[in-house]
Amino acid sequence: GEFAEMIKENLWVNPLLHFNNDADEEDFGDEDDEEDIGTDDSEED
């Protein structure tokens, strides 16, 4: 019942917002992972 309304009021209004969505989150996630890895290595040393 809500799918059409989501397309009309959300996706259609600014599809670029969703196109970029996970891409940005993945970039931040990768950076966090690298920081965690670096922290773990330093703690082991």
ModelCIF file with pLDDT and N, C-alpha, C, O atoms, coordinates in Angstrom:
data_MODEL
#
_entry.id   MODEL 
#
_entity.id                         1 
_entity.type                       polymer 
_entity.pdbx_number_of_molecules   1 
#
_entity_poly.entity_id                      1 
_entity_poly.type                           'polypeptide(L)' 
_entity_poly.nstd_linkage                   no 
_entity_poly.nstd_monomer                   no 
_entity_poly.pdbx_seq_one_letter_code       GEFAEMIKENLWVNPLLHFNNDADEEDFGDEDDEEDIGTDDSEED 
_entity_poly.pdbx_seq_one_letter_code_can   GEFAEMIKENLWVNPLLHFNNDADEEDFGDEDDEEDIGTDDSEED 
_entity_poly.pdbx_strand_id                 A 
#
loop_
_entity_poly_seq.entity_id 
_entity_poly_seq.num 
_entity_poly_seq.mon_id 
_entity_poly_seq.hetero 
1 1  GLY n 
1 2  GLU n 
1 3  PHE n 
1 4  ALA n 
1 5  GLU n 
1 6  MET n 
1 7  ILE n 
1 8  LYS n 
1 9  GLU n 
1 10 ASN n 
1 11 LEU n 
1 12 TRP n 
1 13 VAL n 
1 14 ASN n 
1 15 PRO n 
1 16 LEU n 
1 17 LEU n 
1 18 HIS n 
1 19 PHE n 
1 20 ASN n 
1 21 ASN n 
1 22 ASP n 
1 23 ALA n 
1 24 ASP n 
1 25 GLU n 
1 26 GLU n 
1 27 ASP n 
1 28 PHE n 
1 29 GLY n 
1 30 ASP n 
1 31 GLU n 
1 32 ASP n 
1 33 ASP n 
1 34 GLU n 
1 35 GLU n 
1 36 ASP n 
1 37 ILE n 
1 38 GLY n 
1 39 THR n 
1 40 ASP n 
1 41 ASP n 
1 42 SER n 
1 43 GLU n 
1 44 GLU n 
1 45 ASP n 
#
_struct_asym.id          A 
_struct_asym.entity_id   1 
#
loop_
_ma_qa_metric.id 
_ma_qa_metric.mode 
_ma_qa_metric.name 
_ma_qa_metric.software_group_id 
_ma_qa_metric.type 
1 global pLDDT . pLDDT 
2 local  pLDDT . pLDDT 
#
_ma_qa_metric_global.metric_id      1 
_ma_qa_metric_global.metric_value   69.16 
_ma_qa_metric_global.model_id       1 
_ma_qa_metric_global.ordinal_id     1 
#
loop_
_ma_qa_metric_local.label_asym_id 
_ma_qa_metric_local.label_comp_id 
_ma_qa_metric_local.label_seq_id 
_ma_qa_metric_local.metric_id 
_ma_qa_metric_local.metric_value 
_ma_qa_metric_local.model_id 
_ma_qa_metric_local.ordinal_id 
A GLY 1  2 61.00 1 1  
A GLU 2  2 84.00 1 2  
A PHE 3  2 90.00 1 3  
A ALA 4  2 91.00 1 4  
A GLU 5  2 92.00 1 5  
A MET 6  2 94.00 1 6  
A ILE 7  2 96.00 1 7  
A LYS 8  2 94.00 1 8  
A GLU 9  2 93.00 1 9  
A ASN 10 2 95.00 1 10 
A LEU 11 2 97.00 1 11 
A TRP 12 2 97.00 1 12 
A VAL 13 2 95.00 1 13 
A ASN 14 2 96.00 1 14 
A PRO 15 2 97.00 1 15 
A LEU 16 2 97.00 1 16 
A LEU 17 2 96.00 1 17 
A HIS 18 2 96.00 1 18 
A PHE 19 2 96.00 1 19 
A ASN 20 2 95.00 1 20 
A ASN 21 2 87.00 1 21 
A ASP 22 2 68.00 1 22 
A ALA 23 2 50.00 1 23 
A ASP 24 2 47.00 1 24 
A GLU 25 2 50.00 1 25 
A GLU 26 2 45.00 1 26 
A ASP 27 2 44.00 1 27 
A PHE 28 2 38.00 1 28 
A GLY 29 2 44.00 1 29 
A ASP 30 2 48.00 1 30 
A GLU 31 2 47.00 1 31 
A ASP 32 2 49.00 1 32 
A ASP 33 2 49.00 1 33 
A GLU 34 2 47.00 1 34 
A GLU 35 2 47.00 1 35 
A ASP 36 2 49.00 1 36 
A ILE 37 2 46.00 1 37 
A GLY 38 2 49.00 1 38 
A THR 39 2 48.00 1 39 
A ASP 40 2 52.00 1 40 
A ASP 41 2 52.00 1 41 
A SER 42 2 49.00 1 42 
A GLU 43 2 51.00 1 43 
A GLU 44 2 51.00 1 44 
A ASP 45 2 53.00 1 45 
#
loop_
_atom_site.group_PDB 
_atom_site.id 
_atom_site.type_symbol 
_atom_site.label_atom_id 
_atom_site.label_alt_id 
_atom_site.label_comp_id 
_atom_site.label_asym_id 
_atom_site.label_entity_id 
_atom_site.label_seq_id 
_atom_site.pdbx_PDB_ins_code 
_atom_site.Cartn_x 
_atom_site.Cartn_y 
_atom_site.Cartn_z 
_atom_site.occupancy 
_atom_site.B_iso_or_equiv 
_atom_site.pdbx_formal_charge 
_atom_site.auth_seq_id 
_atom_site.auth_comp_id 
_atom_site.auth_asym_id 
_atom_site.auth_atom_id 
_atom_site.pdbx_PDB_model_num 
ATOM 1   N N  . GLY A 1 1  ? 0.795  -1.220 0.000  1.00 61.00 ? 1  GLY A N  1 
ATOM 2   C CA . GLY A 1 1  ? 0.000  0.000  0.000  1.00 61.00 ? 1  GLY A CA 1 
ATOM 3   C C  . GLY A 1 1  ? 0.827  1.269  0.000  1.00 61.00 ? 1  GLY A C  1 
ATOM 4   O O  . GLY A 1 1  ? 0.323  2.329  -0.372 1.00 61.00 ? 1  GLY A O  1 
ATOM 5   N N  . GLU A 1 2  ? 2.079  1.187  0.406  1.00 84.00 ? 2  GLU A N  1 
ATOM 6   C CA . GLU A 1 2  ? 2.909  2.375  0.545  1.00 84.00 ? 2  GLU A CA 1 
ATOM 7   C C  . GLU A 1 2  ? 3.965  2.501  -0.547 1.00 84.00 ? 2  GLU A C  1 
ATOM 8   O O  . GLU A 1 2  ? 4.583  3.555  -0.694 1.00 84.00 ? 2  GLU A O  1 
ATOM 9   N N  . PHE A 1 3  ? 4.172  1.446  -1.304 1.00 90.00 ? 3  PHE A N  1 
ATOM 10  C CA . PHE A 1 3  ? 5.281  1.404  -2.264 1.00 90.00 ? 3  PHE A CA 1 
ATOM 11  C C  . PHE A 1 3  ? 5.169  2.520  -3.295 1.00 90.00 ? 3  PHE A C  1 
ATOM 12  O O  . PHE A 1 3  ? 6.143  3.231  -3.548 1.00 90.00 ? 3  PHE A O  1 
ATOM 13  N N  . ALA A 1 4  ? 3.976  2.682  -3.900 1.00 91.00 ? 4  ALA A N  1 
ATOM 14  C CA . ALA A 1 4  ? 3.790  3.720  -4.911 1.00 91.00 ? 4  ALA A CA 1 
ATOM 15  C C  . ALA A 1 4  ? 4.018  5.105  -4.316 1.00 91.00 ? 4  ALA A C  1 
ATOM 16  O O  . ALA A 1 4  ? 4.628  5.969  -4.946 1.00 91.00 ? 4  ALA A O  1 
ATOM 17  N N  . GLU A 1 5  ? 3.524  5.305  -3.101 1.00 92.00 ? 5  GLU A N  1 
ATOM 18  C CA . GLU A 1 5  ? 3.679  6.604  -2.445 1.00 92.00 ? 5  GLU A CA 1 
ATOM 19  C C  . GLU A 1 5  ? 5.151  6.899  -2.164 1.00 92.00 ? 5  GLU A C  1 
ATOM 20  O O  . GLU A 1 5  ? 5.581  8.048  -2.265 1.00 92.00 ? 5  GLU A O  1 
ATOM 21  N N  . MET A 1 6  ? 5.923  5.876  -1.815 1.00 94.00 ? 6  MET A N  1 
ATOM 22  C CA . MET A 1 6  ? 7.352  6.063  -1.570 1.00 94.00 ? 6  MET A CA 1 
ATOM 23  C C  . MET A 1 6  ? 8.078  6.480  -2.842 1.00 94.00 ? 6  MET A C  1 
ATOM 24  O O  . MET A 1 6  ? 8.957  7.341  -2.816 1.00 94.00 ? 6  MET A O  1 
ATOM 25  N N  . ILE A 1 7  ? 7.698  5.857  -3.956 1.00 96.00 ? 7  ILE A N  1 
ATOM 26  C CA . ILE A 1 7  ? 8.323  6.217  -5.228 1.00 96.00 ? 7  ILE A CA 1 
ATOM 27  C C  . ILE A 1 7  ? 8.004  7.664  -5.571 1.00 96.00 ? 7  ILE A C  1 
ATOM 28  O O  . ILE A 1 7  ? 8.886  8.429  -5.960 1.00 96.00 ? 7  ILE A O  1 
ATOM 29  N N  . LYS A 1 8  ? 6.730  8.034  -5.425 1.00 94.00 ? 8  LYS A N  1 
ATOM 30  C CA . LYS A 1 8  ? 6.287  9.378  -5.809 1.00 94.00 ? 8  LYS A CA 1 
ATOM 31  C C  . LYS A 1 8  ? 6.866  10.464 -4.906 1.00 94.00 ? 8  LYS A C  1 
ATOM 32  O O  . LYS A 1 8  ? 7.399  11.457 -5.401 1.00 94.00 ? 8  LYS A O  1 
ATOM 33  N N  . GLU A 1 9  ? 6.770  10.289 -3.609 1.00 93.00 ? 9  GLU A N  1 
ATOM 34  C CA . GLU A 1 9  ? 7.113  11.353 -2.672 1.00 93.00 ? 9  GLU A CA 1 
ATOM 35  C C  . GLU A 1 9  ? 8.562  11.332 -2.214 1.00 93.00 ? 9  GLU A C  1 
ATOM 36  O O  . GLU A 1 9  ? 9.046  12.311 -1.647 1.00 93.00 ? 9  GLU A O  1 
ATOM 37  N N  . ASN A 1 10 ? 9.256  10.232 -2.452 1.00 95.00 ? 10 ASN A N  1 
ATOM 38  C CA . ASN A 1 10 ? 10.609 10.109 -1.912 1.00 95.00 ? 10 ASN A CA 1 
ATOM 39  C C  . ASN A 1 10 ? 11.647 9.860  -3.006 1.00 95.00 ? 10 ASN A C  1 
ATOM 40  O O  . ASN A 1 10 ? 12.514 10.698 -3.253 1.00 95.00 ? 10 ASN A O  1 
ATOM 41  N N  . LEU A 1 11 ? 11.551 8.720  -3.648 1.00 97.00 ? 11 LEU A N  1 
ATOM 42  C CA . LEU A 1 11 ? 12.557 8.363  -4.653 1.00 97.00 ? 11 LEU A CA 1 
ATOM 43  C C  . LEU A 1 11 ? 12.541 9.327  -5.830 1.00 97.00 ? 11 LEU A C  1 
ATOM 44  O O  . LEU A 1 11 ? 13.595 9.804  -6.251 1.00 97.00 ? 11 LEU A O  1 
ATOM 45  N N  . TRP A 1 12 ? 11.368 9.619  -6.364 1.00 97.00 ? 12 TRP A N  1 
ATOM 46  C CA . TRP A 1 12 ? 11.256 10.471 -7.541 1.00 97.00 ? 12 TRP A CA 1 
ATOM 47  C C  . TRP A 1 12 ? 11.721 11.897 -7.266 1.00 97.00 ? 12 TRP A C  1 
ATOM 48  O O  . TRP A 1 12 ? 12.300 12.540 -8.142 1.00 97.00 ? 12 TRP A O  1 
ATOM 49  N N  . VAL A 1 13 ? 11.477 12.388 -6.079 1.00 95.00 ? 13 VAL A N  1 
ATOM 50  C CA . VAL A 1 13 ? 11.827 13.767 -5.733 1.00 95.00 ? 13 VAL A CA 1 
ATOM 51  C C  . VAL A 1 13 ? 13.333 13.975 -5.780 1.00 95.00 ? 13 VAL A C  1 
ATOM 52  O O  . VAL A 1 13 ? 13.802 14.989 -6.298 1.00 95.00 ? 13 VAL A O  1 
ATOM 53  N N  . ASN A 1 14 ? 14.098 13.024 -5.243 1.00 96.00 ? 14 ASN A N  1 
ATOM 54  C CA . ASN A 1 14 ? 15.558 13.154 -5.250 1.00 96.00 ? 14 ASN A CA 1 
ATOM 55  C C  . ASN A 1 14 ? 16.207 11.771 -5.311 1.00 96.00 ? 14 ASN A C  1 
ATOM 56  O O  . ASN A 1 14 ? 16.678 11.265 -4.293 1.00 96.00 ? 14 ASN A O  1 
ATOM 57  N N  . PRO A 1 15 ? 16.236 11.157 -6.494 1.00 97.00 ? 15 PRO A N  1 
ATOM 58  C CA . PRO A 1 15 ? 16.831 9.818  -6.609 1.00 97.00 ? 15 PRO A CA 1 
ATOM 59  C C  . PRO A 1 15 ? 18.335 9.814  -6.351 1.00 97.00 ? 15 PRO A C  1 
ATOM 60  O O  . PRO A 1 15 ? 18.894 8.803  -5.927 1.00 97.00 ? 15 PRO A O  1 
ATOM 61  N N  . LEU A 1 16 ? 18.991 10.950 -6.608 1.00 97.00 ? 16 LEU A N  1 
ATOM 62  C CA . LEU A 1 16 ? 20.434 11.022 -6.393 1.00 97.00 ? 16 LEU A CA 1 
ATOM 63  C C  . LEU A 1 16 ? 20.794 10.811 -4.930 1.00 97.00 ? 16 LEU A C  1 
ATOM 64  O O  . LEU A 1 16 ? 21.845 10.255 -4.610 1.00 97.00 ? 16 LEU A O  1 
ATOM 65  N N  . LEU A 1 17 ? 19.907 11.261 -4.044 1.00 96.00 ? 17 LEU A N  1 
ATOM 66  C CA . LEU A 1 17 ? 20.133 11.080 -2.609 1.00 96.00 ? 17 LEU A CA 1 
ATOM 67  C C  . LEU A 1 17 ? 20.300 9.601  -2.276 1.00 96.00 ? 17 LEU A C  1 
ATOM 68  O O  . LEU A 1 17 ? 21.183 9.231  -1.502 1.00 96.00 ? 17 LEU A O  1 
ATOM 69  N N  . HIS A 1 18 ? 19.455 8.757  -2.859 1.00 96.00 ? 18 HIS A N  1 
ATOM 70  C CA . HIS A 1 18 ? 19.520 7.323  -2.583 1.00 96.00 ? 18 HIS A CA 1 
ATOM 71  C C  . HIS A 1 18 ? 20.620 6.648  -3.401 1.00 96.00 ? 18 HIS A C  1 
ATOM 72  O O  . HIS A 1 18 ? 21.241 5.693  -2.934 1.00 96.00 ? 18 HIS A O  1 
ATOM 73  N N  . PHE A 1 19 ? 20.863 7.132  -4.604 1.00 96.00 ? 19 PHE A N  1 
ATOM 74  C CA . PHE A 1 19 ? 21.939 6.583  -5.431 1.00 96.00 ? 19 PHE A CA 1 
ATOM 75  C C  . PHE A 1 19 ? 23.281 6.709  -4.708 1.00 96.00 ? 19 PHE A C  1 
ATOM 76  O O  . PHE A 1 19 ? 24.114 5.805  -4.778 1.00 96.00 ? 19 PHE A O  1 
ATOM 77  N N  . ASN A 1 20 ? 23.487 7.833  -4.012 1.00 95.00 ? 20 ASN A N  1 
ATOM 78  C CA . ASN A 1 20 ? 24.746 8.078  -3.292 1.00 95.00 ? 20 ASN A CA 1 
ATOM 79  C C  . ASN A 1 20 ? 24.759 7.500  -1.890 1.00 95.00 ? 20 ASN A C  1 
ATOM 80  O O  . ASN A 1 20 ? 25.809 7.467  -1.248 1.00 95.00 ? 20 ASN A O  1 
ATOM 81  N N  . ASN A 1 21 ? 23.613 7.043  -1.402 1.00 87.00 ? 21 ASN A N  1 
ATOM 82  C CA . ASN A 1 21 ? 23.445 6.714  0.009  1.00 87.00 ? 21 ASN A CA 1 
ATOM 83  C C  . ASN A 1 21 ? 24.465 5.720  0.529  1.00 87.00 ? 21 ASN A C  1 
ATOM 84  O O  . ASN A 1 21 ? 25.335 6.087  1.319  1.00 87.00 ? 21 ASN A O  1 
ATOM 85  N N  . ASP A 1 22 ? 24.376 4.464  0.099  1.00 68.00 ? 22 ASP A N  1 
ATOM 86  C CA . ASP A 1 22 ? 25.256 3.426  0.647  1.00 68.00 ? 22 ASP A CA 1 
ATOM 87  C C  . ASP A 1 22 ? 26.705 3.621  0.258  1.00 68.00 ? 22 ASP A C  1 
ATOM 88  O O  . ASP A 1 22 ? 27.613 3.199  0.975  1.00 68.00 ? 22 ASP A O  1 
ATOM 89  N N  . ALA A 1 23 ? 26.922 4.263  -0.883 1.00 50.00 ? 23 ALA A N  1 
ATOM 90  C CA . ALA A 1 23 ? 28.301 4.474  -1.315 1.00 50.00 ? 23 ALA A CA 1 
ATOM 91  C C  . ALA A 1 23 ? 29.062 5.281  -0.279 1.00 50.00 ? 23 ALA A C  1 
ATOM 92  O O  . ALA A 1 23 ? 30.197 4.948  0.063  1.00 50.00 ? 23 ALA A O  1 
ATOM 93  N N  . ASP A 1 24 ? 28.432 6.355  0.230  1.00 47.00 ? 24 ASP A N  1 
ATOM 94  C CA . ASP A 1 24 ? 29.078 7.178  1.249  1.00 47.00 ? 24 ASP A CA 1 
ATOM 95  C C  . ASP A 1 24 ? 29.280 6.397  2.536  1.00 47.00 ? 24 ASP A C  1 
ATOM 96  O O  . ASP A 1 24 ? 30.335 6.481  3.164  1.00 47.00 ? 24 ASP A O  1 
ATOM 97  N N  . GLU A 1 25 ? 28.239 5.619  2.934  1.00 50.00 ? 25 GLU A N  1 
ATOM 98  C CA . GLU A 1 25 ? 28.334 4.859  4.173  1.00 50.00 ? 25 GLU A CA 1 
ATOM 99  C C  . GLU A 1 25 ? 29.428 3.811  4.098  1.00 50.00 ? 25 GLU A C  1 
ATOM 100 O O  . GLU A 1 25 ? 30.128 3.563  5.080  1.00 50.00 ? 25 GLU A O  1 
ATOM 101 N N  . GLU A 1 26 ? 29.577 3.183  2.911  1.00 45.00 ? 26 GLU A N  1 
ATOM 102 C CA . GLU A 1 26 ? 30.611 2.172  2.747  1.00 45.00 ? 26 GLU A CA 1 
ATOM 103 C C  . GLU A 1 26 ? 31.988 2.786  2.892  1.00 45.00 ? 26 GLU A C  1 
ATOM 104 O O  . GLU A 1 26 ? 32.882 2.185  3.487  1.00 45.00 ? 26 GLU A O  1 
ATOM 105 N N  . ASP A 1 27 ? 32.166 4.018  2.331  1.00 44.00 ? 27 ASP A N  1 
ATOM 106 C CA . ASP A 1 27 ? 33.461 4.683  2.445  1.00 44.00 ? 27 ASP A CA 1 
ATOM 107 C C  . ASP A 1 27 ? 33.809 4.940  3.905  1.00 44.00 ? 27 ASP A C  1 
ATOM 108 O O  . ASP A 1 27 ? 34.929 4.679  4.344  1.00 44.00 ? 27 ASP A O  1 
ATOM 109 N N  . PHE A 1 28 ? 32.822 5.461  4.660  1.00 38.00 ? 28 PHE A N  1 
ATOM 110 C CA . PHE A 1 28 ? 33.057 5.722  6.077  1.00 38.00 ? 28 PHE A CA 1 
ATOM 111 C C  . PHE A 1 28 ? 33.350 4.419  6.816  1.00 38.00 ? 28 PHE A C  1 
ATOM 112 O O  . PHE A 1 28 ? 34.206 4.364  7.699  1.00 38.00 ? 28 PHE A O  1 
ATOM 113 N N  . GLY A 1 29 ? 32.614 3.367  6.433  1.00 44.00 ? 29 GLY A N  1 
ATOM 114 C CA . GLY A 1 29 ? 32.800 2.082  7.084  1.00 44.00 ? 29 GLY A CA 1 
ATOM 115 C C  . GLY A 1 29 ? 34.190 1.539  6.880  1.00 44.00 ? 29 GLY A C  1 
ATOM 116 O O  . GLY A 1 29 ? 34.786 0.979  7.799  1.00 44.00 ? 29 GLY A O  1 
ATOM 117 N N  . ASP A 1 30 ? 34.726 1.704  5.642  1.00 48.00 ? 30 ASP A N  1 
ATOM 118 C CA . ASP A 1 30 ? 36.074 1.222  5.343  1.00 48.00 ? 30 ASP A CA 1 
ATOM 119 C C  . ASP A 1 30 ? 37.096 1.964  6.179  1.00 48.00 ? 30 ASP A C  1 
ATOM 120 O O  . ASP A 1 30 ? 38.050 1.372  6.684  1.00 48.00 ? 30 ASP A O  1 
ATOM 121 N N  . GLU A 1 31 ? 36.886 3.297  6.326  1.00 47.00 ? 31 GLU A N  1 
ATOM 122 C CA . GLU A 1 31 ? 37.827 4.083  7.120  1.00 47.00 ? 31 GLU A CA 1 
ATOM 123 C C  . GLU A 1 31 ? 37.822 3.624  8.572  1.00 47.00 ? 31 GLU A C  1 
ATOM 124 O O  . GLU A 1 31 ? 38.873 3.516  9.204  1.00 47.00 ? 31 GLU A O  1 
ATOM 125 N N  . ASP A 1 32 ? 36.621 3.352  9.095  1.00 49.00 ? 32 ASP A N  1 
ATOM 126 C CA . ASP A 1 32 ? 36.510 2.900  10.486 1.00 49.00 ? 32 ASP A CA 1 
ATOM 127 C C  . ASP A 1 32 ? 37.210 1.570  10.672 1.00 49.00 ? 32 ASP A C  1 
ATOM 128 O O  . ASP A 1 32 ? 37.879 1.343  11.680 1.00 49.00 ? 32 ASP A O  1 
ATOM 129 N N  . ASP A 1 33 ? 37.048 0.670  9.666  1.00 49.00 ? 33 ASP A N  1 
ATOM 130 C CA . ASP A 1 33 ? 37.678 -0.640 9.762  1.00 49.00 ? 33 ASP A CA 1 
ATOM 131 C C  . ASP A 1 33 ? 39.189 -0.514 9.798  1.00 49.00 ? 33 ASP A C  1 
ATOM 132 O O  . ASP A 1 33 ? 39.871 -1.208 10.553 1.00 49.00 ? 33 ASP A O  1 
ATOM 133 N N  . GLU A 1 34 ? 39.715 0.413  8.940  1.00 47.00 ? 34 GLU A N  1 
ATOM 134 C CA . GLU A 1 34 ? 41.158 0.584  8.905  1.00 47.00 ? 34 GLU A CA 1 
ATOM 135 C C  . GLU A 1 34 ? 41.674 1.118  10.232 1.00 47.00 ? 34 GLU A C  1 
ATOM 136 O O  . GLU A 1 34 ? 42.736 0.714  10.706 1.00 47.00 ? 34 GLU A O  1 
ATOM 137 N N  . GLU A 1 35 ? 40.892 2.055  10.843 1.00 47.00 ? 35 GLU A N  1 
ATOM 138 C CA . GLU A 1 35 ? 41.306 2.593  12.136 1.00 47.00 ? 35 GLU A CA 1 
ATOM 139 C C  . GLU A 1 35 ? 41.299 1.515  13.197 1.00 47.00 ? 35 GLU A C  1 
ATOM 140 O O  . GLU A 1 35 ? 42.200 1.453  14.034 1.00 47.00 ? 35 GLU A O  1 
ATOM 141 N N  . ASP A 1 36 ? 40.263 0.644  13.165 1.00 49.00 ? 36 ASP A N  1 
ATOM 142 C CA . ASP A 1 36 ? 40.168 -0.437 14.147 1.00 49.00 ? 36 ASP A CA 1 
ATOM 143 C C  . ASP A 1 36 ? 41.337 -1.393 14.009 1.00 49.00 ? 36 ASP A C  1 
ATOM 144 O O  . ASP A 1 36 ? 41.903 -1.852 15.001 1.00 49.00 ? 36 ASP A O  1 
ATOM 145 N N  . ILE A 1 37 ? 41.699 -1.695 12.734 1.00 46.00 ? 37 ILE A N  1 
ATOM 146 C CA . ILE A 1 37 ? 42.803 -2.627 12.498 1.00 46.00 ? 37 ILE A CA 1 
ATOM 147 C C  . ILE A 1 37 ? 44.095 -2.043 13.037 1.00 46.00 ? 37 ILE A C  1 
ATOM 148 O O  . ILE A 1 37 ? 44.893 -2.739 13.665 1.00 46.00 ? 37 ILE A O  1 
ATOM 149 N N  . GLY A 1 38 ? 44.297 -0.729 12.778 1.00 49.00 ? 38 GLY A N  1 
ATOM 150 C CA . GLY A 1 38 ? 45.504 -0.078 13.258 1.00 49.00 ? 38 GLY A CA 1 
ATOM 151 C C  . GLY A 1 38 ? 45.569 -0.067 14.771 1.00 49.00 ? 38 GLY A C  1 
ATOM 152 O O  . GLY A 1 38 ? 46.640 -0.248 15.350 1.00 49.00 ? 38 GLY A O  1 
ATOM 153 N N  . THR A 1 39 ? 44.436 0.145  15.415 1.00 48.00 ? 39 THR A N  1 
ATOM 154 C CA . THR A 1 39 ? 44.380 0.166  16.868 1.00 48.00 ? 39 THR A CA 1 
ATOM 155 C C  . THR A 1 39 ? 44.691 -1.200 17.442 1.00 48.00 ? 39 THR A C  1 
ATOM 156 O O  . THR A 1 39 ? 45.420 -1.310 18.428 1.00 48.00 ? 39 THR A O  1 
ATOM 157 N N  . ASP A 1 40 ? 44.141 -2.249 16.831 1.00 52.00 ? 40 ASP A N  1 
ATOM 158 C CA . ASP A 1 40 ? 44.378 -3.599 17.320 1.00 52.00 ? 40 ASP A CA 1 
ATOM 159 C C  . ASP A 1 40 ? 45.842 -3.953 17.224 1.00 52.00 ? 40 ASP A C  1 
ATOM 160 O O  . ASP A 1 40 ? 46.400 -4.565 18.135 1.00 52.00 ? 40 ASP A O  1 
ATOM 161 N N  . ASP A 1 41 ? 46.490 -3.558 16.084 1.00 52.00 ? 41 ASP A N  1 
ATOM 162 C CA . ASP A 1 41 ? 47.902 -3.884 15.900 1.00 52.00 ? 41 ASP A CA 1 
ATOM 163 C C  . ASP A 1 41 ? 48.758 -3.197 16.949 1.00 52.00 ? 41 ASP A C  1 
ATOM 164 O O  . ASP A 1 41 ? 49.675 -3.803 17.501 1.00 52.00 ? 41 ASP A O  1 
ATOM 165 N N  . SER A 1 42 ? 48.457 -1.914 17.229 1.00 49.00 ? 42 SER A N  1 
ATOM 166 C CA . SER A 1 42 ? 49.256 -1.167 18.196 1.00 49.00 ? 42 SER A CA 1 
ATOM 167 C C  . SER A 1 42 ? 49.099 -1.742 19.588 1.00 49.00 ? 42 SER A C  1 
ATOM 168 O O  . SER A 1 42 ? 50.061 -1.793 20.355 1.00 49.00 ? 42 SER A O  1 
ATOM 169 N N  . GLU A 1 43 ? 47.868 -2.185 19.928 1.00 51.00 ? 43 GLU A N  1 
ATOM 170 C CA . GLU A 1 43 ? 47.628 -2.760 21.247 1.00 51.00 ? 43 GLU A CA 1 
ATOM 171 C C  . GLU A 1 43 ? 48.403 -4.064 21.400 1.00 51.00 ? 43 GLU A C  1 
ATOM 172 O O  . GLU A 1 43 ? 48.935 -4.345 22.474 1.00 51.00 ? 43 GLU A O  1 
ATOM 173 N N  . GLU A 1 44 ? 48.474 -4.877 20.317 1.00 51.00 ? 44 GLU A N  1 
ATOM 174 C CA . GLU A 1 44 ? 49.201 -6.131 20.394 1.00 51.00 ? 44 GLU A CA 1 
ATOM 175 C C  . GLU A 1 44 ? 50.685 -5.877 20.606 1.00 51.00 ? 44 GLU A C  1 
ATOM 176 O O  . GLU A 1 44 ? 51.343 -6.602 21.351 1.00 51.00 ? 44 GLU A O  1 
ATOM 177 N N  . ASP A 1 45 ? 51.226 -4.816 19.931 1.00 53.00 ? 45 ASP A N  1 
ATOM 178 C CA . ASP A 1 45 ? 52.656 -4.484 20.087 1.00 53.00 ? 45 ASP A CA 1 
ATOM 179 C C  . ASP A 1 45 ? 52.945 -4.076 21.523 1.00 53.00 ? 45 ASP A C  1 
ATOM 180 O O  . ASP A 1 45 ? 54.087 -3.761 21.857 1.00 53.00 ? 45 ASP A O  1 
#
